[in-house]
């Protein structure tokens, strides 16, 4: 079941405005549960976590910056 353009746009907005801040808070909390590692190790962990969240969700963000492919074209609206 493929999501429509409109649904993907809404899901991407929800993910970026709600899901990503929650993910960041969880990642920082998880790192703080253990002894704080070296700065470079901590940076590598955060970079890795920054990539990991987007991999399963890339289908939601694909093509969101493009015009709606299901919308009628300008020529169709003028007729």
PDB file of N, CA and C in Angstrom:
ATOM      1  N   UNK A   1       0.838  -1.171   0.000  1.00  0.00           N
ATOM      2  CA  UNK A   1       0.000   0.000   0.000  1.00  0.00           C
ATOM      3  C   UNK A   1       0.890   1.242   0.000  1.00  0.00           C
ATOM      4  N   UNK A   2       0.861   1.980  -1.068  1.00  0.00           N
ATOM      5  CA  UNK A   2       1.667   3.186  -1.199  1.00  0.00           C
ATOM      6  C   UNK A   2       0.912   4.384  -0.639  1.00  0.00           C
ATOM      7  N   UNK A   3       1.637   5.263   0.003  1.00  0.00           N
ATOM      8  CA  UNK A   3       1.032   6.467   0.544  1.00  0.00           C
ATOM      9  C   UNK A   3       0.897   7.508  -0.555  1.00  0.00           C
ATOM     10  N   UNK A   4      -0.167   8.263  -0.506  1.00  0.00           N
ATOM     11  CA  UNK A   4      -0.337   9.346  -1.467  1.00  0.00           C
ATOM     12  C   UNK A   4       0.646  10.465  -1.133  1.00  0.00           C
ATOM     13  N   UNK A   5       0.791  11.371  -2.066  1.00  0.00           N
ATOM     14  CA  UNK A   5       1.689  12.506  -1.866  1.00  0.00           C
ATOM     15  C   UNK A   5       1.257  13.313  -0.639  1.00  0.00           C
ATOM     16  N   UNK A   6      -0.039  13.539  -0.530  1.00  0.00           N
ATOM     17  CA  UNK A   6      -0.570  14.328   0.569  1.00  0.00           C
ATOM     18  C   UNK A   6      -0.318  13.634   1.918  1.00  0.00           C
ATOM     19  N   UNK A   7      -0.518  12.328   1.963  1.00  0.00           N
ATOM     20  CA  UNK A   7      -0.283  11.576   3.196  1.00  0.00           C
ATOM     21  C   UNK A   7       1.204  11.582   3.564  1.00  0.00           C
ATOM     22  N   UNK A   8       2.068  11.411   2.549  1.00  0.00           N
ATOM     23  CA  UNK A   8       3.510  11.442   2.836  1.00  0.00           C
ATOM     24  C   UNK A   8       3.930  12.813   3.353  1.00  0.00           C
ATOM     25  N   UNK A   9       3.333  13.871   2.813  1.00  0.00           N
ATOM     26  CA  UNK A   9       3.663  15.223   3.255  1.00  0.00           C
ATOM     27  C   UNK A   9       3.242  15.424   4.715  1.00  0.00           C
ATOM     28  N   UNK A  10       2.068  14.933   5.073  1.00  0.00           N
ATOM     29  CA  UNK A  10       1.600  15.056   6.457  1.00  0.00           C
ATOM     30  C   UNK A  10       2.446  14.212   7.407  1.00  0.00           C
ATOM     31  N   UNK A  11       2.752  12.983   7.007  1.00  0.00           N
ATOM     32  CA  UNK A  11       3.587  12.119   7.846  1.00  0.00           C
ATOM     33  C   UNK A  11       4.975  12.719   8.036  1.00  0.00           C
ATOM     34  N   UNK A  12       5.548  13.271   6.982  1.00  0.00           N
ATOM     35  CA  UNK A  12       6.887  13.850   7.101  1.00  0.00           C
ATOM     36  C   UNK A  12       6.875  15.041   8.044  1.00  0.00           C
ATOM     37  N   UNK A  13       5.834  15.851   7.989  1.00  0.00           N
ATOM     38  CA  UNK A  13       5.724  16.982   8.901  1.00  0.00           C
ATOM     39  C   UNK A  13       5.601  16.509  10.346  1.00  0.00           C
ATOM     40  N   UNK A  14       4.786  15.508  10.584  1.00  0.00           N
ATOM     41  CA  UNK A  14       4.630  14.947  11.930  1.00  0.00           C
ATOM     42  C   UNK A  14       5.942  14.349  12.434  1.00  0.00           C
ATOM     43  N   UNK A  15       6.623  13.633  11.572  1.00  0.00           N
ATOM     44  CA  UNK A  15       7.898  13.011  11.961  1.00  0.00           C
ATOM     45  C   UNK A  15       8.927  14.071  12.320  1.00  0.00           C
ATOM     46  N   UNK A  16       9.003  15.140  11.520  1.00  0.00           N
ATOM     47  CA  UNK A  16      10.010  16.171  11.770  1.00  0.00           C
ATOM     48  C   UNK A  16       9.674  17.045  12.980  1.00  0.00           C
ATOM     49  N   UNK A  17       8.400  17.323  13.202  1.00  0.00           N
ATOM     50  CA  UNK A  17       8.036  18.220  14.293  1.00  0.00           C
ATOM     51  C   UNK A  17       7.860  17.521  15.639  1.00  0.00           C
ATOM     52  N   UNK A  18       7.482  16.253  15.628  1.00  0.00           N
ATOM     53  CA  UNK A  18       7.245  15.533  16.880  1.00  0.00           C
ATOM     54  C   UNK A  18       8.256  14.399  17.073  1.00  0.00           C
ATOM     55  N   UNK A  19       8.380  13.552  16.067  1.00  0.00           N
ATOM     56  CA  UNK A  19       9.213  12.361  16.200  1.00  0.00           C
ATOM     57  C   UNK A  19      10.693  12.644  16.355  1.00  0.00           C
ATOM     58  N   UNK A  20      11.216  13.570  15.570  1.00  0.00           N
ATOM     59  CA  UNK A  20      12.654  13.851  15.637  1.00  0.00           C
ATOM     60  C   UNK A  20      13.073  14.451  16.976  1.00  0.00           C
ATOM     61  N   UNK A  21      12.357  15.438  17.530  1.00  0.00           N
ATOM     62  CA  UNK A  21      12.747  15.912  18.874  1.00  0.00           C
ATOM     63  C   UNK A  21      12.669  14.822  19.947  1.00  0.00           C
ATOM     64  N   UNK A  22      11.658  13.967  19.870  1.00  0.00           N
ATOM     65  CA  UNK A  22      11.561  12.862  20.827  1.00  0.00           C
ATOM     66  C   UNK A  22      12.746  11.919  20.655  1.00  0.00           C
ATOM     67  N   UNK A  23      13.111  11.625  19.423  1.00  0.00           N
ATOM     68  CA  UNK A  23      14.257  10.755  19.146  1.00  0.00           C
ATOM     69  C   UNK A  23      15.553  11.374  19.679  1.00  0.00           C
ATOM     70  N   UNK A  24      15.717  12.670  19.514  1.00  0.00           N
ATOM     71  CA  UNK A  24      16.919  13.354  20.005  1.00  0.00           C
ATOM     72  C   UNK A  24      16.989  13.276  21.524  1.00  0.00           C
ATOM     73  N   UNK A  25      15.874  13.520  22.189  1.00  0.00           N
ATOM     74  CA  UNK A  25      15.845  13.446  23.656  1.00  0.00           C
ATOM     75  C   UNK A  25      16.175  12.037  24.134  1.00  0.00           C
ATOM     76  N   UNK A  26      15.609  11.034  23.468  1.00  0.00           N
ATOM     77  CA  UNK A  26      15.910   9.647  23.839  1.00  0.00           C
ATOM     78  C   UNK A  26      17.383   9.302  23.606  1.00  0.00           C
ATOM     79  N   UNK A  27      17.956   9.777  22.502  1.00  0.00           N
ATOM     80  CA  UNK A  27      19.360   9.488  22.208  1.00  0.00           C
ATOM     81  C   UNK A  27      20.281  10.122  23.244  1.00  0.00           C
ATOM     82  N   UNK A  28      20.025  11.367  23.600  1.00  0.00           N
ATOM     83  CA  UNK A  28      20.857  12.052  24.590  1.00  0.00           C
ATOM     84  C   UNK A  28      20.700  11.393  25.965  1.00  0.00           C
ATOM     85  N   UNK A  29      19.474  11.029  26.314  1.00  0.00           N
ATOM     86  CA  UNK A  29      19.236  10.350  27.592  1.00  0.00           C
ATOM     87  C   UNK A  29      19.949   9.005  27.631  1.00  0.00           C
ATOM     88  N   UNK A  30      19.900   8.273  26.541  1.00  0.00           N
ATOM     89  CA  UNK A  30      20.558   6.974  26.471  1.00  0.00           C
ATOM     90  C   UNK A  30      22.072   7.104  26.640  1.00  0.00           C
ATOM     91  N   UNK A  31      22.664   8.099  26.001  1.00  0.00           N
ATOM     92  CA  UNK A  31      24.115   8.317  26.133  1.00  0.00           C
ATOM     93  C   UNK A  31      24.460   8.714  27.568  1.00  0.00           C
ATOM     94  N   UNK A  32      23.607   9.526  28.207  1.00  0.00           N
ATOM     95  CA  UNK A  32      23.891   9.982  29.567  1.00  0.00           C
ATOM     96  C   UNK A  32      23.716   8.890  30.620  1.00  0.00           C
ATOM     97  N   UNK A  33      23.051   7.788  30.278  1.00  0.00           N
ATOM     98  CA  UNK A  33      22.904   6.684  31.233  1.00  0.00           C
ATOM     99  C   UNK A  33      24.243   6.019  31.527  1.00  0.00           C
ATOM    100  N   UNK A  34      25.133   6.045  30.561  1.00  0.00           N
ATOM    101  CA  UNK A  34      26.456   5.446  30.720  1.00  0.00           C
ATOM    102  C   UNK A  34      27.453   6.547  31.038  1.00  0.00           C
ATOM    103  N   UNK A  35      28.663   6.148  31.434  1.00  0.00           N
ATOM    104  CA  UNK A  35      29.704   7.149  31.635  1.00  0.00           C
ATOM    105  C   UNK A  35      29.946   7.857  30.312  1.00  0.00           C
ATOM    106  N   UNK A  36      30.105   9.147  30.374  1.00  0.00           N
ATOM    107  CA  UNK A  36      30.283   9.939  29.159  1.00  0.00           C
ATOM    108  C   UNK A  36      31.563   9.516  28.447  1.00  0.00           C
ATOM    109  N   UNK A  37      31.427   9.098  27.168  1.00  0.00           N
ATOM    110  CA  UNK A  37      32.618   8.648  26.433  1.00  0.00           C
ATOM    111  C   UNK A  37      33.464   9.835  25.967  1.00  0.00           C
ATOM    112  N   UNK A  38      34.564   9.510  25.333  1.00  0.00           N
ATOM    113  CA  UNK A  38      35.414  10.546  24.743  1.00  0.00           C
ATOM    114  C   UNK A  38      34.582  11.388  23.780  1.00  0.00           C
ATOM    115  N   UNK A  39      35.012  12.615  23.553  1.00  0.00           N
ATOM    116  CA  UNK A  39      34.257  13.532  22.693  1.00  0.00           C
ATOM    117  C   UNK A  39      34.122  12.969  21.281  1.00  0.00           C
ATOM    118  N   UNK A  40      35.167  12.428  20.718  1.00  0.00           N
ATOM    119  CA  UNK A  40      35.099  11.925  19.341  1.00  0.00           C
ATOM    120  C   UNK A  40      34.218  10.686  19.247  1.00  0.00           C
ATOM    121  N   UNK A  41      34.218   9.842  20.298  1.00  0.00           N
ATOM    122  CA  UNK A  41      33.348   8.657  20.306  1.00  0.00           C
ATOM    123  C   UNK A  41      31.889   9.099  20.412  1.00  0.00           C
ATOM    124  N   UNK A  42      31.635  10.075  21.260  1.00  0.00           N
ATOM    125  CA  UNK A  42      30.283  10.599  21.403  1.00  0.00           C
ATOM    126  C   UNK A  42      29.789  11.214  20.094  1.00  0.00           C
ATOM    127  N   UNK A  43      30.669  11.920  19.393  1.00  0.00           N
ATOM    128  CA  UNK A  43      30.301  12.515  18.106  1.00  0.00           C
ATOM    129  C   UNK A  43      29.965  11.436  17.079  1.00  0.00           C
ATOM    130  N   UNK A  44      30.755  10.368  17.036  1.00  0.00           N
ATOM    131  CA  UNK A  44      30.487   9.265  16.112  1.00  0.00           C
ATOM    132  C   UNK A  44      29.147   8.603  16.447  1.00  0.00           C
ATOM    133  N   UNK A  45      28.841   8.444  17.727  1.00  0.00           N
ATOM    134  CA  UNK A  45      27.560   7.857  18.134  1.00  0.00           C
ATOM    135  C   UNK A  45      26.413   8.734  17.672  1.00  0.00           C
ATOM    136  N   UNK A  46      26.511  10.047  17.886  1.00  0.00           N
ATOM    137  CA  UNK A  46      25.434  10.955  17.482  1.00  0.00           C
ATOM    138  C   UNK A  46      25.280  11.017  15.960  1.00  0.00           C
ATOM    139  N   UNK A  47      26.366  10.981  15.236  1.00  0.00           N
ATOM    140  CA  UNK A  47      26.284  10.961  13.773  1.00  0.00           C
ATOM    141  C   UNK A  47      25.618   9.669  13.316  1.00  0.00           C
ATOM    142  N   UNK A  48      26.011   8.547  13.908  1.00  0.00           N
ATOM    143  CA  UNK A  48      25.388   7.265  13.568  1.00  0.00           C
ATOM    144  C   UNK A  48      23.901   7.256  13.870  1.00  0.00           C
ATOM    145  N   UNK A  49      23.516   7.766  15.039  1.00  0.00           N
ATOM    146  CA  UNK A  49      22.097   7.833  15.387  1.00  0.00           C
ATOM    147  C   UNK A  49      21.347   8.802  14.481  1.00  0.00           C
ATOM    148  N   UNK A  50      22.032   9.843  14.021  1.00  0.00           N
ATOM    149  CA  UNK A  50      21.412  10.797  13.098  1.00  0.00           C
ATOM    150  C   UNK A  50      21.110  10.184  11.749  1.00  0.00           C
ATOM    151  N   UNK A  51      21.896   9.219  11.332  1.00  0.00           N
ATOM    152  CA  UNK A  51      21.653   8.540  10.060  1.00  0.00           C
ATOM    153  C   UNK A  51      20.635   7.418  10.242  1.00  0.00           C
ATOM    154  N   UNK A  52      20.705   6.726  11.367  1.00  0.00           N
ATOM    155  CA  UNK A  52      19.861   5.554  11.598  1.00  0.00           C
ATOM    156  C   UNK A  52      18.372   5.904  11.620  1.00  0.00           C
ATOM    157  N   UNK A  53      17.999   7.051  12.152  1.00  0.00           N
ATOM    158  CA  UNK A  53      16.575   7.387  12.240  1.00  0.00           C
ATOM    159  C   UNK A  53      15.961   7.587  10.856  1.00  0.00           C
ATOM    160  N   UNK A  54      16.748   8.068   9.910  1.00  0.00           N
ATOM    161  CA  UNK A  54      16.206   8.408   8.592  1.00  0.00           C
ATOM    162  C   UNK A  54      16.106   7.211   7.651  1.00  0.00           C
ATOM    163  N   UNK A  55      16.913   6.198   7.852  1.00  0.00           N
ATOM    164  CA  UNK A  55      16.916   5.067   6.912  1.00  0.00           C
ATOM    165  C   UNK A  55      15.559   4.368   6.779  1.00  0.00           C
ATOM    166  N   UNK A  56      14.890   4.004   7.856  1.00  0.00           N
ATOM    167  CA  UNK A  56      13.595   3.344   7.667  1.00  0.00           C
ATOM    168  C   UNK A  56      12.490   4.294   7.196  1.00  0.00           C
ATOM    169  N   UNK A  57      12.712   5.592   7.295  1.00  0.00           N
ATOM    170  CA  UNK A  57      11.676   6.562   6.935  1.00  0.00           C
ATOM    171  C   UNK A  57      11.931   7.259   5.606  1.00  0.00           C
ATOM    172  N   UNK A  58      12.917   6.844   4.865  1.00  0.00           N
ATOM    173  CA  UNK A  58      13.256   7.562   3.636  1.00  0.00           C
ATOM    174  C   UNK A  58      12.142   7.519   2.599  1.00  0.00           C
ATOM    175  N   UNK A  59      11.305   6.462   2.598  1.00  0.00           N
ATOM    176  CA  UNK A  59      10.213   6.410   1.642  1.00  0.00           C
ATOM    177  C   UNK A  59       9.180   7.507   1.905  1.00  0.00           C
ATOM    178  N   UNK A  60       9.068   7.949   3.158  1.00  0.00           N
ATOM    179  CA  UNK A  60       8.118   9.013   3.489  1.00  0.00           C
ATOM    180  C   UNK A  60       8.606  10.351   2.931  1.00  0.00           C
ATOM    181  N   UNK A  61       9.909  10.579   2.969  1.00  0.00           N
ATOM    182  CA  UNK A  61      10.462  11.864   2.565  1.00  0.00           C
ATOM    183  C   UNK A  61      10.774  11.958   1.069  1.00  0.00           C
ATOM    184  N   UNK A  62      10.698  10.860   0.356  1.00  0.00           N
ATOM    185  CA  UNK A  62      11.043  10.864  -1.069  1.00  0.00           C
ATOM    186  C   UNK A  62      10.047  11.708  -1.857  1.00  0.00           C
ATOM    187  N   UNK A  63      10.540  12.732  -2.538  1.00  0.00           N
ATOM    188  CA  UNK A  63       9.726  13.550  -3.427  1.00  0.00           C
ATOM    189  C   UNK A  63       8.873  14.599  -2.749  1.00  0.00           C
ATOM    190  N   UNK A  64       9.044  14.825  -1.458  1.00  0.00           N
ATOM    191  CA  UNK A  64       8.207  15.791  -0.751  1.00  0.00           C
ATOM    192  C   UNK A  64       8.477  17.218  -1.230  1.00  0.00           C
ATOM    193  N   UNK A  65       9.662  17.532  -1.621  1.00  0.00           N
ATOM    194  CA  UNK A  65       9.987  18.883  -2.083  1.00  0.00           C
ATOM    195  C   UNK A  65       9.533  19.167  -3.500  1.00  0.00           C
ATOM    196  N   UNK A  66       9.039  18.172  -4.196  1.00  0.00           N
ATOM    197  CA  UNK A  66       8.581  18.328  -5.577  1.00  0.00           C
ATOM    198  C   UNK A  66       7.117  18.737  -5.601  1.00  0.00           C
ATOM    199  N   UNK A  67       6.641  19.277  -6.725  1.00  0.00           N
ATOM    200  CA  UNK A  67       5.206  19.580  -6.834  1.00  0.00           C
ATOM    201  C   UNK A  67       4.381  18.297  -6.769  1.00  0.00           C
ATOM    202  N   UNK A  68       3.143  18.434  -6.354  1.00  0.00           N
ATOM    203  CA  UNK A  68       2.241  17.292  -6.224  1.00  0.00           C
ATOM    204  C   UNK A  68       2.017  16.658  -7.596  1.00  0.00           C
ATOM    205  N   UNK A  69       2.406  15.386  -7.764  1.00  0.00           N
ATOM    206  CA  UNK A  69       2.233  14.746  -9.070  1.00  0.00           C
ATOM    207  C   UNK A  69       0.764  14.439  -9.387  1.00  0.00           C
ATOM    208  N   UNK A  70      -0.099  14.401  -8.375  1.00  0.00           N
ATOM    209  CA  UNK A  70      -1.513  14.105  -8.585  1.00  0.00           C
ATOM    210  C   UNK A  70      -2.347  15.358  -8.845  1.00  0.00           C
ATOM    211  N   UNK A  71      -1.774  16.528  -8.626  1.00  0.00           N
ATOM    212  CA  UNK A  71      -2.509  17.775  -8.837  1.00  0.00           C
ATOM    213  C   UNK A  71      -2.683  18.013 -10.331  1.00  0.00           C
ATOM    214  N   UNK A  72      -3.812  18.626 -10.698  1.00  0.00           N
ATOM    215  CA  UNK A  72      -3.996  18.943 -12.121  1.00  0.00           C
ATOM    216  C   UNK A  72      -2.958  19.962 -12.566  1.00  0.00           C
ATOM    217  N   UNK A  73      -2.517  19.830 -13.800  1.00  0.00           N
ATOM    218  CA  UNK A  73      -1.510  20.755 -14.308  1.00  0.00           C
ATOM    219  C   UNK A  73      -2.128  22.122 -14.567  1.00  0.00           C
ATOM    220  N   UNK A  74      -1.310  23.106 -14.807  1.00  0.00           N
ATOM    221  CA  UNK A  74      -1.768  24.474 -15.063  1.00  0.00           C
ATOM    222  C   UNK A  74      -2.653  24.522 -16.313  1.00  0.00           C
ATOM    223  N   UNK A  75      -2.320  23.727 -17.332  1.00  0.00           N
ATOM    224  CA  UNK A  75      -3.110  23.703 -18.561  1.00  0.00           C
ATOM    225  C   UNK A  75      -4.502  23.154 -18.307  1.00  0.00           C
ATOM    226  N   UNK A  76      -4.610  22.140 -17.441  1.00  0.00           N
ATOM    227  CA  UNK A  76      -5.908  21.538 -17.144  1.00  0.00           C
ATOM    228  C   UNK A  76      -6.813  22.491 -16.374  1.00  0.00           C
ATOM    229  N   UNK A  77      -6.212  23.325 -15.524  1.00  0.00           N
ATOM    230  CA  UNK A  77      -7.006  24.252 -14.730  1.00  0.00           C
ATOM    231  C   UNK A  77      -7.547  25.402 -15.562  1.00  0.00           C
ATOM    232  N   UNK A  78      -6.861  25.775 -16.659  1.00  0.00           N
ATOM    233  CA  UNK A  78      -7.274  26.889 -17.486  1.00  0.00           C
ATOM    234  C   UNK A  78      -8.387  26.517 -18.455  1.00  0.00           C
ATOM    235  N   UNK A  79      -8.684  25.281 -18.600  1.00  0.00           N
ATOM    236  CA  UNK A  79      -9.709  24.859 -19.568  1.00  0.00           C
ATOM    237  C   UNK A  79     -11.080  24.918 -19.009  1.00  0.00           C
TER     238      UNK A  79
END
